[in-house]
Full PDB file with SEQRES, HELIX, SHEET, SSBOND, CRYST1, ORIGX, SCALE, CONECT and MASTER records, all heavy atoms in Angstrom:
SEQRES   1 A   39  LEU LYS LEU ALA PHE GLU THR LYS TYR THR THR TYR ASP          
SEQRES   2 A   39  PRO GLU PRO LEU VAL GLN ALA ARG PHE THR ALA LYS LYS          
SEQRES   3 A   39  TYR VAL GLY GLN ALA MET THR TYR GLY TRP GLY TRP GLU          
HELIX    1 AA1 LYS A    2  GLU A    6  1                                   5    
HELIX    2 AA2 GLU A   15  TRP A   38  1                                  24    
CRYST1    1.000    1.000    1.000  90.00  90.00  90.00 P 1           1          
ORIGX1      1.000000  0.000000  0.000000        0.00000                         
ORIGX2      0.000000  1.000000  0.000000        0.00000                         
ORIGX3      0.000000  0.000000  1.000000        0.00000                         
SCALE1      1.000000  0.000000  0.000000        0.00000                         
SCALE2      0.000000  1.000000  0.000000        0.00000                         
SCALE3      0.000000  0.000000  1.000000        0.00000                         
ATOM      1  N   LEU A   1      -6.048 -14.804 -10.574  1.00  0.00           N  
ATOM      2  CA  LEU A   1      -4.875 -15.331  -9.884  1.00  0.00           C  
ATOM      3  C   LEU A   1      -5.231 -15.827  -8.482  1.00  0.00           C  
ATOM      4  O   LEU A   1      -4.728 -16.856  -8.027  1.00  0.00           O  
ATOM      5  CB  LEU A   1      -3.780 -14.265  -9.804  1.00  0.00           C  
ATOM      6  CG  LEU A   1      -2.964 -14.068 -11.083  1.00  0.00           C  
ATOM      7  CD1 LEU A   1      -2.175 -12.767 -11.019  1.00  0.00           C  
ATOM      8  CD2 LEU A   1      -2.034 -15.256 -11.306  1.00  0.00           C  
ATOM      9  N   LYS A   2      -6.110 -15.107  -7.799  1.00  0.00           N  
ATOM     10  CA  LYS A   2      -6.558 -15.564  -6.484  1.00  0.00           C  
ATOM     11  C   LYS A   2      -7.230 -16.928  -6.598  1.00  0.00           C  
ATOM     12  O   LYS A   2      -6.977 -17.839  -5.785  1.00  0.00           O  
ATOM     13  CB  LYS A   2      -7.533 -14.553  -5.879  1.00  0.00           C  
ATOM     14  CG  LYS A   2      -6.892 -13.264  -5.397  1.00  0.00           C  
ATOM     15  CD  LYS A   2      -7.944 -12.330  -4.808  1.00  0.00           C  
ATOM     16  CE  LYS A   2      -7.325 -11.046  -4.278  1.00  0.00           C  
ATOM     17  NZ  LYS A   2      -8.349 -10.127  -3.715  1.00  0.00           N  
ATOM     18  N   LEU A   3      -8.091 -17.096  -7.596  1.00  0.00           N  
ATOM     19  CA  LEU A   3      -8.746 -18.387  -7.809  1.00  0.00           C  
ATOM     20  C   LEU A   3      -7.722 -19.466  -8.154  1.00  0.00           C  
ATOM     21  O   LEU A   3      -7.827 -20.616  -7.706  1.00  0.00           O  
ATOM     22  CB  LEU A   3      -9.778 -18.273  -8.931  1.00  0.00           C  
ATOM     23  CG  LEU A   3     -11.036 -17.466  -8.611  1.00  0.00           C  
ATOM     24  CD1 LEU A   3     -11.873 -17.272  -9.870  1.00  0.00           C  
ATOM     25  CD2 LEU A   3     -11.859 -18.167  -7.531  1.00  0.00           C  
ATOM     26  N   ALA A   4      -6.727 -19.098  -8.957  1.00  0.00           N  
ATOM     27  CA  ALA A   4      -5.716 -20.065  -9.367  1.00  0.00           C  
ATOM     28  C   ALA A   4      -4.927 -20.590  -8.176  1.00  0.00           C  
ATOM     29  O   ALA A   4      -4.608 -21.787  -8.087  1.00  0.00           O  
ATOM     30  CB  ALA A   4      -4.769 -19.429 -10.390  1.00  0.00           C  
ATOM     31  N   PHE A   5      -4.603 -19.707  -7.254  1.00  0.00           N  
ATOM     32  CA  PHE A   5      -3.829 -20.105  -6.079  1.00  0.00           C  
ATOM     33  C   PHE A   5      -4.673 -20.856  -5.054  1.00  0.00           C  
ATOM     34  O   PHE A   5      -4.151 -21.717  -4.332  1.00  0.00           O  
ATOM     35  CB  PHE A   5      -3.205 -18.875  -5.416  1.00  0.00           C  
ATOM     36  CG  PHE A   5      -1.888 -18.455  -5.999  1.00  0.00           C  
ATOM     37  CD1 PHE A   5      -1.807 -17.337  -6.808  1.00  0.00           C  
ATOM     38  CD2 PHE A   5      -0.727 -19.175  -5.734  1.00  0.00           C  
ATOM     39  CE1 PHE A   5      -0.596 -16.935  -7.350  1.00  0.00           C  
ATOM     40  CE2 PHE A   5       0.485 -18.786  -6.265  1.00  0.00           C  
ATOM     41  CZ  PHE A   5       0.561 -17.661  -7.087  1.00  0.00           C  
ATOM     42  N   GLU A   6      -5.961 -20.573  -4.992  1.00  0.00           N  
ATOM     43  CA  GLU A   6      -6.753 -21.054  -3.865  1.00  0.00           C  
ATOM     44  C   GLU A   6      -7.809 -22.100  -4.235  1.00  0.00           C  
ATOM     45  O   GLU A   6      -8.534 -22.572  -3.368  1.00  0.00           O  
ATOM     46  CB  GLU A   6      -7.420 -19.853  -3.176  1.00  0.00           C  
ATOM     47  CG  GLU A   6      -6.376 -18.884  -2.621  1.00  0.00           C  
ATOM     48  CD  GLU A   6      -6.977 -17.710  -1.874  1.00  0.00           C  
ATOM     49  OE1 GLU A   6      -8.180 -17.442  -2.070  1.00  0.00           O  
ATOM     50  OE2 GLU A   6      -6.253 -17.073  -1.091  1.00  0.00           O  
ATOM     51  N   THR A   7      -7.905 -22.472  -5.499  1.00  0.00           N  
ATOM     52  CA  THR A   7      -8.842 -23.525  -5.912  1.00  0.00           C  
ATOM     53  C   THR A   7      -8.125 -24.534  -6.793  1.00  0.00           C  
ATOM     54  O   THR A   7      -7.050 -24.255  -7.327  1.00  0.00           O  
ATOM     55  CB  THR A   7     -10.042 -22.940  -6.700  1.00  0.00           C  
ATOM     56  OG1 THR A   7      -9.577 -22.382  -7.943  1.00  0.00           O  
ATOM     57  CG2 THR A   7     -10.745 -21.866  -5.890  1.00  0.00           C  
ATOM     58  N   LYS A   8      -8.725 -25.706  -6.943  1.00  0.00           N  
ATOM     59  CA  LYS A   8      -8.140 -26.755  -7.770  1.00  0.00           C  
ATOM     60  C   LYS A   8      -8.677 -26.680  -9.198  1.00  0.00           C  
ATOM     61  O   LYS A   8      -9.804 -26.249  -9.436  1.00  0.00           O  
ATOM     62  CB  LYS A   8      -8.438 -28.130  -7.172  1.00  0.00           C  
ATOM     63  CG  LYS A   8      -7.752 -28.380  -5.830  1.00  0.00           C  
ATOM     64  CD  LYS A   8      -8.026 -29.784  -5.333  1.00  0.00           C  
ATOM     65  CE  LYS A   8      -7.295 -30.045  -4.013  1.00  0.00           C  
ATOM     66  NZ  LYS A   8      -7.556 -31.425  -3.513  1.00  0.00           N  
ATOM     67  N   TYR A   9      -7.846 -27.135 -10.113  1.00  0.00           N  
ATOM     68  CA  TYR A   9      -8.218 -27.141 -11.533  1.00  0.00           C  
ATOM     69  C   TYR A   9      -9.399 -28.069 -11.790  1.00  0.00           C  
ATOM     70  O   TYR A   9      -9.492 -29.159 -11.213  1.00  0.00           O  
ATOM     71  CB  TYR A   9      -7.023 -27.584 -12.373  1.00  0.00           C  
ATOM     72  CG  TYR A   9      -7.360 -27.909 -13.805  1.00  0.00           C  
ATOM     73  CD1 TYR A   9      -7.556 -26.903 -14.752  1.00  0.00           C  
ATOM     74  CD2 TYR A   9      -7.500 -29.238 -14.218  1.00  0.00           C  
ATOM     75  CE1 TYR A   9      -7.875 -27.204 -16.067  1.00  0.00           C  
ATOM     76  CE2 TYR A   9      -7.818 -29.548 -15.534  1.00  0.00           C  
ATOM     77  CZ  TYR A   9      -8.001 -28.533 -16.448  1.00  0.00           C  
ATOM     78  OH  TYR A   9      -8.317 -28.836 -17.751  1.00  0.00           O  
ATOM     79  N   THR A  10     -10.302 -27.637 -12.663  1.00  0.00           N  
ATOM     80  CA  THR A  10     -11.379 -28.499 -13.150  1.00  0.00           C  
ATOM     81  C   THR A  10     -11.462 -28.336 -14.665  1.00  0.00           C  
ATOM     82  O   THR A  10     -10.974 -27.349 -15.232  1.00  0.00           O  
ATOM     83  CB  THR A  10     -12.754 -28.126 -12.545  1.00  0.00           C  
ATOM     84  OG1 THR A  10     -13.229 -26.928 -13.160  1.00  0.00           O  
ATOM     85  CG2 THR A  10     -12.660 -27.934 -11.041  1.00  0.00           C  
ATOM     86  N   THR A  11     -12.078 -29.279 -15.325  1.00  0.00           N  
ATOM     87  CA  THR A  11     -12.221 -29.203 -16.779  1.00  0.00           C  
ATOM     88  C   THR A  11     -13.200 -28.112 -17.202  1.00  0.00           C  
ATOM     89  O   THR A  11     -13.323 -27.822 -18.391  1.00  0.00           O  
ATOM     90  CB  THR A  11     -12.703 -30.555 -17.339  1.00  0.00           C  
ATOM     91  OG1 THR A  11     -13.926 -30.927 -16.683  1.00  0.00           O  
ATOM     92  CG2 THR A  11     -11.655 -31.633 -17.106  1.00  0.00           C  
ATOM     93  N   TYR A  12     -13.879 -27.516 -16.239  1.00  0.00           N  
ATOM     94  CA  TYR A  12     -14.833 -26.452 -16.536  1.00  0.00           C  
ATOM     95  C   TYR A  12     -14.224 -25.057 -16.368  1.00  0.00           C  
ATOM     96  O   TYR A  12     -14.920 -24.053 -16.532  1.00  0.00           O  
ATOM     97  CB  TYR A  12     -16.074 -26.581 -15.642  1.00  0.00           C  
ATOM     98  CG  TYR A  12     -16.765 -27.913 -15.775  1.00  0.00           C  
ATOM     99  CD1 TYR A  12     -16.624 -28.896 -14.796  1.00  0.00           C  
ATOM    100  CD2 TYR A  12     -17.549 -28.192 -16.896  1.00  0.00           C  
ATOM    101  CE1 TYR A  12     -17.257 -30.123 -14.926  1.00  0.00           C  
ATOM    102  CE2 TYR A  12     -18.181 -29.417 -17.024  1.00  0.00           C  
ATOM    103  CZ  TYR A  12     -18.026 -30.388 -16.040  1.00  0.00           C  
ATOM    104  OH  TYR A  12     -18.657 -31.598 -16.183  1.00  0.00           O  
ATOM    105  N   ASP A  13     -12.961 -24.982 -16.052  1.00  0.00           N  
ATOM    106  CA  ASP A  13     -12.322 -23.681 -15.870  1.00  0.00           C  
ATOM    107  C   ASP A  13     -12.412 -22.853 -17.145  1.00  0.00           C  
ATOM    108  O   ASP A  13     -12.083 -23.355 -18.236  1.00  0.00           O  
ATOM    109  CB  ASP A  13     -10.839 -23.850 -15.512  1.00  0.00           C  
ATOM    110  CG  ASP A  13     -10.628 -24.291 -14.081  1.00  0.00           C  
ATOM    111  OD1 ASP A  13     -11.606 -24.301 -13.305  1.00  0.00           O  
ATOM    112  OD2 ASP A  13      -9.483 -24.617 -13.734  1.00  0.00           O  
ATOM    113  N   PRO A  14     -12.826 -21.582 -17.054  1.00  0.00           N  
ATOM    114  CA  PRO A  14     -12.807 -20.717 -18.237  1.00  0.00           C  
ATOM    115  C   PRO A  14     -11.368 -20.393 -18.628  1.00  0.00           C  
ATOM    116  O   PRO A  14     -10.443 -20.528 -17.815  1.00  0.00           O  
ATOM    117  CB  PRO A  14     -13.560 -19.467 -17.766  1.00  0.00           C  
ATOM    118  CG  PRO A  14     -13.377 -19.464 -16.293  1.00  0.00           C  
ATOM    119  CD  PRO A  14     -13.339 -20.899 -15.861  1.00  0.00           C  
ATOM    120  N   GLU A  15     -11.193 -19.952 -19.852  1.00  0.00           N  
ATOM    121  CA  GLU A  15      -9.856 -19.720 -20.384  1.00  0.00           C  
ATOM    122  C   GLU A  15      -9.019 -18.752 -19.544  1.00  0.00           C  
ATOM    123  O   GLU A  15      -7.836 -19.010 -19.287  1.00  0.00           O  
ATOM    124  CB  GLU A  15      -9.944 -19.225 -21.827  1.00  0.00           C  
ATOM    125  CG  GLU A  15      -8.607 -19.152 -22.540  1.00  0.00           C  
ATOM    126  CD  GLU A  15      -7.921 -20.507 -22.632  1.00  0.00           C  
ATOM    127  OE1 GLU A  15      -8.614 -21.524 -22.834  1.00  0.00           O  
ATOM    128  OE2 GLU A  15      -6.687 -20.545 -22.483  1.00  0.00           O  
ATOM    129  N   PRO A  16      -9.582 -17.618 -19.069  1.00  0.00           N  
ATOM    130  CA  PRO A  16      -8.761 -16.720 -18.242  1.00  0.00           C  
ATOM    131  C   PRO A  16      -8.232 -17.387 -16.974  1.00  0.00           C  
ATOM    132  O   PRO A  16      -7.114 -17.108 -16.541  1.00  0.00           O  
ATOM    133  CB  PRO A  16      -9.720 -15.578 -17.903  1.00  0.00           C  
ATOM    134  CG  PRO A  16     -10.707 -15.584 -19.021  1.00  0.00           C  
ATOM    135  CD  PRO A  16     -10.908 -17.035 -19.356  1.00  0.00           C  
ATOM    136  N   LEU A  17      -9.023 -18.292 -16.389  1.00  0.00           N  
ATOM    137  CA  LEU A  17      -8.567 -18.991 -15.191  1.00  0.00           C  
ATOM    138  C   LEU A  17      -7.492 -20.018 -15.544  1.00  0.00           C  
ATOM    139  O   LEU A  17      -6.529 -20.202 -14.791  1.00  0.00           O  
ATOM    140  CB  LEU A  17      -9.744 -19.667 -14.485  1.00  0.00           C  
ATOM    141  CG  LEU A  17      -9.407 -20.459 -13.214  1.00  0.00           C  
ATOM    142  CD1 LEU A  17      -8.624 -19.607 -12.225  1.00  0.00           C  
ATOM    143  CD2 LEU A  17     -10.685 -21.000 -12.575  1.00  0.00           C  
ATOM    144  N   VAL A  18      -7.636 -20.676 -16.692  1.00  0.00           N  
ATOM    145  CA  VAL A  18      -6.601 -21.622 -17.136  1.00  0.00           C  
ATOM    146  C   VAL A  18      -5.264 -20.896 -17.292  1.00  0.00           C  
ATOM    147  O   VAL A  18      -4.220 -21.380 -16.857  1.00  0.00           O  
ATOM    148  CB  VAL A  18      -7.021 -22.295 -18.461  1.00  0.00           C  
ATOM    149  CG1 VAL A  18      -5.859 -23.106 -19.042  1.00  0.00           C  
ATOM    150  CG2 VAL A  18      -8.228 -23.198 -18.235  1.00  0.00           C  
ATOM    151  N   GLN A  19      -5.308 -19.726 -17.902  1.00  0.00           N  
ATOM    152  CA  GLN A  19      -4.083 -18.954 -18.083  1.00  0.00           C  
ATOM    153  C   GLN A  19      -3.532 -18.483 -16.738  1.00  0.00           C  
ATOM    154  O   GLN A  19      -2.315 -18.447 -16.535  1.00  0.00           O  
ATOM    155  CB  GLN A  19      -4.349 -17.766 -18.998  1.00  0.00           C  
ATOM    156  CG  GLN A  19      -4.655 -18.174 -20.437  1.00  0.00           C  
ATOM    157  CD  GLN A  19      -4.836 -16.978 -21.361  1.00  0.00           C  
ATOM    158  OE1 GLN A  19      -4.459 -15.863 -21.036  1.00  0.00           O  
ATOM    159  NE2 GLN A  19      -5.433 -17.218 -22.512  1.00  0.00           N  
ATOM    160  N   ALA A  20      -4.418 -18.145 -15.812  1.00  0.00           N  
ATOM    161  CA  ALA A  20      -3.972 -17.723 -14.489  1.00  0.00           C  
ATOM    162  C   ALA A  20      -3.311 -18.871 -13.742  1.00  0.00           C  
ATOM    163  O   ALA A  20      -2.337 -18.666 -13.009  1.00  0.00           O  
ATOM    164  CB  ALA A  20      -5.146 -17.175 -13.683  1.00  0.00           C  
ATOM    165  N   ARG A  21      -3.817 -20.092 -13.907  1.00  0.00           N  
ATOM    166  CA  ARG A  21      -3.197 -21.253 -13.257  1.00  0.00           C  
ATOM    167  C   ARG A  21      -1.791 -21.475 -13.805  1.00  0.00           C  
ATOM    168  O   ARG A  21      -0.855 -21.797 -13.058  1.00  0.00           O  
ATOM    169  CB  ARG A  21      -4.060 -22.500 -13.460  1.00  0.00           C  
ATOM    170  CG  ARG A  21      -5.397 -22.456 -12.738  1.00  0.00           C  
ATOM    171  CD  ARG A  21      -6.064 -23.824 -12.734  1.00  0.00           C  
ATOM    172  NE  ARG A  21      -7.430 -23.750 -12.250  1.00  0.00           N  
ATOM    173  CZ  ARG A  21      -7.789 -23.649 -10.959  1.00  0.00           C  
ATOM    174  NH1 ARG A  21      -6.853 -23.587 -10.029  1.00  0.00           N  
ATOM    175  NH2 ARG A  21      -9.059 -23.597 -10.622  1.00  0.00           N  
ATOM    176  N   PHE A  22      -1.636 -21.303 -15.112  1.00  0.00           N  
ATOM    177  CA  PHE A  22      -0.317 -21.418 -15.731  1.00  0.00           C  
ATOM    178  C   PHE A  22       0.632 -20.380 -15.134  1.00  0.00           C  
ATOM    179  O   PHE A  22       1.771 -20.688 -14.752  1.00  0.00           O  
ATOM    180  CB  PHE A  22      -0.440 -21.218 -17.250  1.00  0.00           C  
ATOM    181  CG  PHE A  22       0.867 -21.200 -17.978  1.00  0.00           C  
ATOM    182  CD1 PHE A  22       1.386 -22.369 -18.531  1.00  0.00           C  
ATOM    183  CD2 PHE A  22       1.583 -20.027 -18.135  1.00  0.00           C  
ATOM    184  CE1 PHE A  22       2.600 -22.352 -19.209  1.00  0.00           C  
ATOM    185  CE2 PHE A  22       2.798 -20.001 -18.808  1.00  0.00           C  
ATOM    186  CZ  PHE A  22       3.295 -21.171 -19.346  1.00  0.00           C  
ATOM    187  N   THR A  23       0.154 -19.143 -15.044  1.00  0.00           N  
ATOM    188  CA  THR A  23       0.979 -18.058 -14.512  1.00  0.00           C  
ATOM    189  C   THR A  23       1.341 -18.310 -13.054  1.00  0.00           C  
ATOM    190  O   THR A  23       2.482 -18.085 -12.628  1.00  0.00           O  
ATOM    191  CB  THR A  23       0.235 -16.720 -14.642  1.00  0.00           C  
ATOM    192  OG1 THR A  23      -0.036 -16.470 -16.029  1.00  0.00           O  
ATOM    193  CG2 THR A  23       1.058 -15.576 -14.077  1.00  0.00           C  
ATOM    194  N   ALA A  24       0.375 -18.780 -12.265  1.00  0.00           N  
ATOM    195  CA  ALA A  24       0.634 -19.054 -10.856  1.00  0.00           C  
ATOM    196  C   ALA A  24       1.717 -20.119 -10.697  1.00  0.00           C  
ATOM    197  O   ALA A  24       2.608 -19.989  -9.853  1.00  0.00           O  
ATOM    198  CB  ALA A  24      -0.655 -19.499 -10.166  1.00  0.00           C  
ATOM    199  N   LYS A  25       1.646 -21.161 -11.521  1.00  0.00           N  
ATOM    200  CA  LYS A  25       2.663 -22.208 -11.438  1.00  0.00           C  
ATOM    201  C   LYS A  25       4.034 -21.668 -11.823  1.00  0.00           C  
ATOM    202  O   LYS A  25       5.052 -22.015 -11.217  1.00  0.00           O  
ATOM    203  CB  LYS A  25       2.294 -23.386 -12.338  1.00  0.00           C  
ATOM    204  CG  LYS A  25       3.250 -24.574 -12.188  1.00  0.00           C  
ATOM    205  CD  LYS A  25       2.743 -25.811 -12.885  1.00  0.00           C  
ATOM    206  CE  LYS A  25       3.684 -26.990 -12.632  1.00  0.00           C  
ATOM    207  NZ  LYS A  25       3.212 -28.222 -13.300  1.00  0.00           N  
ATOM    208  N   LYS A  26       4.075 -20.796 -12.822  1.00  0.00           N  
ATOM    209  CA  LYS A  26       5.334 -20.174 -13.217  1.00  0.00           C  
ATOM    210  C   LYS A  26       5.906 -19.347 -12.068  1.00  0.00           C  
ATOM    211  O   LYS A  26       7.105 -19.413 -11.773  1.00  0.00           O  
ATOM    212  CB  LYS A  26       5.109 -19.290 -14.439  1.00  0.00           C  
ATOM    213  CG  LYS A  26       6.351 -18.543 -14.902  1.00  0.00           C  
ATOM    214  CD  LYS A  26       6.056 -17.718 -16.145  1.00  0.00           C  
ATOM    215  CE  LYS A  26       7.302 -16.970 -16.604  1.00  0.00           C  
ATOM    216  NZ  LYS A  26       7.062 -16.190 -17.831  1.00  0.00           N  
ATOM    217  N   TYR A  27       5.051 -18.573 -11.410  1.00  0.00           N  
ATOM    218  CA  TYR A  27       5.512 -17.746 -10.301  1.00  0.00           C  
ATOM    219  C   TYR A  27       6.051 -18.592  -9.148  1.00  0.00           C  
ATOM    220  O   TYR A  27       7.068 -18.249  -8.538  1.00  0.00           O  
ATOM    221  CB  TYR A  27       4.361 -16.876  -9.792  1.00  0.00           C  
ATOM    222  CG  TYR A  27       3.956 -15.753 -10.722  1.00  0.00           C  
ATOM    223  CD1 TYR A  27       2.755 -15.058 -10.503  1.00  0.00           C  
ATOM    224  CD2 TYR A  27       4.741 -15.361 -11.799  1.00  0.00           C  
ATOM    225  CE1 TYR A  27       2.371 -14.010 -11.332  1.00  0.00           C  
ATOM    226  CE2 TYR A  27       4.353 -14.326 -12.630  1.00  0.00           C  
ATOM    227  CZ  TYR A  27       3.167 -13.662 -12.400  1.00  0.00           C  
ATOM    228  OH  TYR A  27       2.778 -12.623 -13.211  1.00  0.00           O  
ATOM    229  N   VAL A  28       5.370 -19.690  -8.840  1.00  0.00           N  
ATOM    230  CA  VAL A  28       5.818 -20.547  -7.742  1.00  0.00           C  
ATOM    231  C   VAL A  28       7.189 -21.141  -8.060  1.00  0.00           C  
ATOM    232  O   VAL A  28       8.096 -21.158  -7.216  1.00  0.00           O  
ATOM    233  CB  VAL A  28       4.793 -21.656  -7.455  1.00  0.00           C  
ATOM    234  CG1 VAL A  28       5.359 -22.671  -6.462  1.00  0.00           C  
ATOM    235  CG2 VAL A  28       3.499 -21.058  -6.910  1.00  0.00           C  
ATOM    236  N   GLY A  29       7.363 -21.631  -9.298  1.00  0.00           N  
ATOM    237  CA  GLY A  29       8.663 -22.176  -9.676  1.00  0.00           C  
ATOM    238  C   GLY A  29       9.766 -21.143  -9.568  1.00  0.00           C  
ATOM    239  O   GLY A  29      10.884 -21.437  -9.114  1.00  0.00           O  
ATOM    240  N   GLN A  30       9.469 -19.923  -9.977  1.00  0.00           N  
ATOM    241  CA  GLN A  30      10.439 -18.835  -9.888  1.00  0.00           C  
ATOM    242  C   GLN A  30      10.825 -18.560  -8.439  1.00  0.00           C  
ATOM    243  O   GLN A  30      12.014 -18.503  -8.086  1.00  0.00           O  
ATOM    244  CB  GLN A  30       9.853 -17.573 -10.520  1.00  0.00           C  
ATOM    245  CG  GLN A  30      10.743 -16.349 -10.405  1.00  0.00           C  
ATOM    246  CD  GLN A  30      10.059 -15.086 -10.926  1.00  0.00           C  
ATOM    247  OE1 GLN A  30       8.876 -15.114 -11.270  1.00  0.00           O  
ATOM    248  NE2 GLN A  30      10.792 -13.998 -10.990  1.00  0.00           N  
ATOM    249  N   ALA A  31       9.824 -18.385  -7.580  1.00  0.00           N  
ATOM    250  CA  ALA A  31      10.101 -18.027  -6.191  1.00  0.00           C  
ATOM    251  C   ALA A  31      10.795 -19.155  -5.437  1.00  0.00           C  
ATOM    252  O   ALA A  31      11.661 -18.904  -4.587  1.00  0.00           O  
ATOM    253  CB  ALA A  31       8.808 -17.640  -5.482  1.00  0.00           C  
ATOM    254  N   MET A  32      10.438 -20.403  -5.735  1.00  0.00           N  
ATOM    255  CA  MET A  32      11.106 -21.523  -5.073  1.00  0.00           C  
ATOM    256  C   MET A  32      12.587 -21.558  -5.427  1.00  0.00           C  
ATOM    257  O   MET A  32      13.436 -21.860  -4.567  1.00  0.00           O  
ATOM    258  CB  MET A  32      10.435 -22.838  -5.462  1.00  0.00           C  
ATOM    259  CG  MET A  32       9.040 -23.032  -4.895  1.00  0.00           C  
ATOM    260  SD  MET A  32       8.999 -23.110  -3.085  1.00  0.00           S  
ATOM    261  CE  MET A  32       7.231 -23.397  -2.837  1.00  0.00           C  
ATOM    262  N   THR A  33      12.934 -21.247  -6.672  1.00  0.00           N  
ATOM    263  CA  THR A  33      14.355 -21.242  -7.035  1.00  0.00           C  
ATOM    264  C   THR A  33      15.091 -20.077  -6.380  1.00  0.00           C  
ATOM    265  O   THR A  33      16.268 -20.201  -6.030  1.00  0.00           O  
ATOM    266  CB  THR A  33      14.543 -21.211  -8.563  1.00  0.00           C  
ATOM    267  OG1 THR A  33      13.850 -20.092  -9.120  1.00  0.00           O  
ATOM    268  CG2 THR A  33      14.041 -22.485  -9.198  1.00  0.00           C  
ATOM    269  N   TYR A  34      14.406 -18.940  -6.214  1.00  0.00           N  
ATOM    270  CA  TYR A  34      15.012 -17.857  -5.429  1.00  0.00           C  
ATOM    271  C   TYR A  34      15.337 -18.349  -4.016  1.00  0.00           C  
ATOM    272  O   TYR A  34      16.428 -18.115  -3.486  1.00  0.00           O  
ATOM    273  CB  TYR A  34      14.061 -16.673  -5.321  1.00  0.00           C  
ATOM    274  CG  TYR A  34      13.998 -15.767  -6.524  1.00  0.00           C  
ATOM    275  CD1 TYR A  34      12.777 -15.289  -6.995  1.00  0.00           C  
ATOM    276  CD2 TYR A  34      15.156 -15.349  -7.179  1.00  0.00           C  
ATOM    277  CE1 TYR A  34      12.707 -14.445  -8.093  1.00  0.00           C  
ATOM    278  CE2 TYR A  34      15.091 -14.501  -8.279  1.00  0.00           C  
ATOM    279  CZ  TYR A  34      13.858 -14.055  -8.728  1.00  0.00           C  
ATOM    280  OH  TYR A  34      13.787 -13.213  -9.812  1.00  0.00           O  
ATOM    281  N   GLY A  35      14.354 -19.017  -3.413  1.00  0.00           N  
ATOM    282  CA  GLY A  35      14.570 -19.532  -2.066  1.00  0.00           C  
ATOM    283  C   GLY A  35      15.729 -20.502  -2.010  1.00  0.00           C  
ATOM    284  O   GLY A  35      16.532 -20.491  -1.065  1.00  0.00           O  
ATOM    285  N   TRP A  36      15.842 -21.350  -3.028  1.00  0.00           N  
ATOM    286  CA  TRP A  36      16.945 -22.312  -3.104  1.00  0.00           C  
ATOM    287  C   TRP A  36      18.284 -21.582  -3.206  1.00  0.00           C  
ATOM    288  O   TRP A  36      19.275 -21.996  -2.598  1.00  0.00           O  
ATOM    289  CB  TRP A  36      16.719 -23.214  -4.316  1.00  0.00           C  
ATOM    290  CG  TRP A  36      17.547 -24.453  -4.341  1.00  0.00           C  
ATOM    291  CD1 TRP A  36      17.882 -25.248  -3.289  1.00  0.00           C  
ATOM    292  CD2 TRP A  36      18.137 -25.062  -5.493  1.00  0.00           C  
ATOM    293  NE1 TRP A  36      18.635 -26.312  -3.707  1.00  0.00           N  
ATOM    294  CE2 TRP A  36      18.807 -26.214  -5.064  1.00  0.00           C  
ATOM    295  CE3 TRP A  36      18.143 -24.743  -6.852  1.00  0.00           C  
ATOM    296  CZ2 TRP A  36      19.495 -27.056  -5.942  1.00  0.00           C  
ATOM    297  CZ3 TRP A  36      18.812 -25.573  -7.728  1.00  0.00           C  
ATOM    298  CH2 TRP A  36      19.478 -26.709  -7.282  1.00  0.00           C  
ATOM    299  N   GLY A  37      18.302 -20.485  -3.963  1.00  0.00           N  
ATOM    300  CA  GLY A  37      19.523 -19.696  -4.067  1.00  0.00           C  
ATOM    301  C   GLY A  37      19.945 -19.129  -2.723  1.00  0.00           C  
ATOM    302  O   GLY A  37      21.122 -19.175  -2.353  1.00  0.00           O  
ATOM    303  N   TRP A  38      18.989 -18.591  -1.963  1.00  0.00           N  
ATOM    304  CA  TRP A  38      19.305 -18.089  -0.630  1.00  0.00           C  
ATOM    305  C   TRP A  38      19.781 -19.209   0.282  1.00  0.00           C  
ATOM    306  O   TRP A  38      20.728 -19.032   1.062  1.00  0.00           O  
ATOM    307  CB  TRP A  38      18.085 -17.406  -0.026  1.00  0.00           C  
ATOM    308  CG  TRP A  38      17.854 -16.020  -0.526  1.00  0.00           C  
ATOM    309  CD1 TRP A  38      16.961 -15.623  -1.483  1.00  0.00           C  
ATOM    310  CD2 TRP A  38      18.533 -14.837  -0.124  1.00  0.00           C  
ATOM    311  NE1 TRP A  38      17.040 -14.276  -1.700  1.00  0.00           N  
ATOM    312  CE2 TRP A  38      17.995 -13.760  -0.876  1.00  0.00           C  
ATOM    313  CE3 TRP A  38      19.543 -14.573   0.812  1.00  0.00           C  
ATOM    314  CZ2 TRP A  38      18.443 -12.445  -0.720  1.00  0.00           C  
ATOM    315  CZ3 TRP A  38      19.985 -13.254   0.958  1.00  0.00           C  
ATOM    316  CH2 TRP A  38      19.441 -12.225   0.206  1.00  0.00           C  
ATOM    317  N   GLU A  39      19.133 -20.356   0.182  1.00  0.00           N  
ATOM    318  CA  GLU A  39      19.510 -21.487   1.027  1.00  0.00           C  
ATOM    319  C   GLU A  39      20.929 -21.938   0.722  1.00  0.00           C  
ATOM    320  O   GLU A  39      21.718 -22.226   1.634  1.00  0.00           O  
ATOM    321  CB  GLU A  39      18.516 -22.632   0.826  1.00  0.00           C  
ATOM    322  CG  GLU A  39      18.679 -23.753   1.832  1.00  0.00           C  
ATOM    323  CD  GLU A  39      17.623 -24.836   1.648  1.00  0.00           C  
ATOM    324  OE1 GLU A  39      17.350 -25.220   0.488  1.00  0.00           O  
ATOM    325  OE2 GLU A  39      17.089 -25.305   2.671  1.00  0.00           O  
TER     326      GLU A  39                                                      
MASTER        0    0    0    2    0    0    0    6  325    1    0    3          
END                                                                             
């Protein structure tokens, strides 16, 4: 997850990192909508 948040995607990413990038994007979308709700 640290790599997913702090590095860019490449075609050489191993499968666990690909899944972590997916999860990181899901988390960001979730938290941004929370912020929108507060706003």
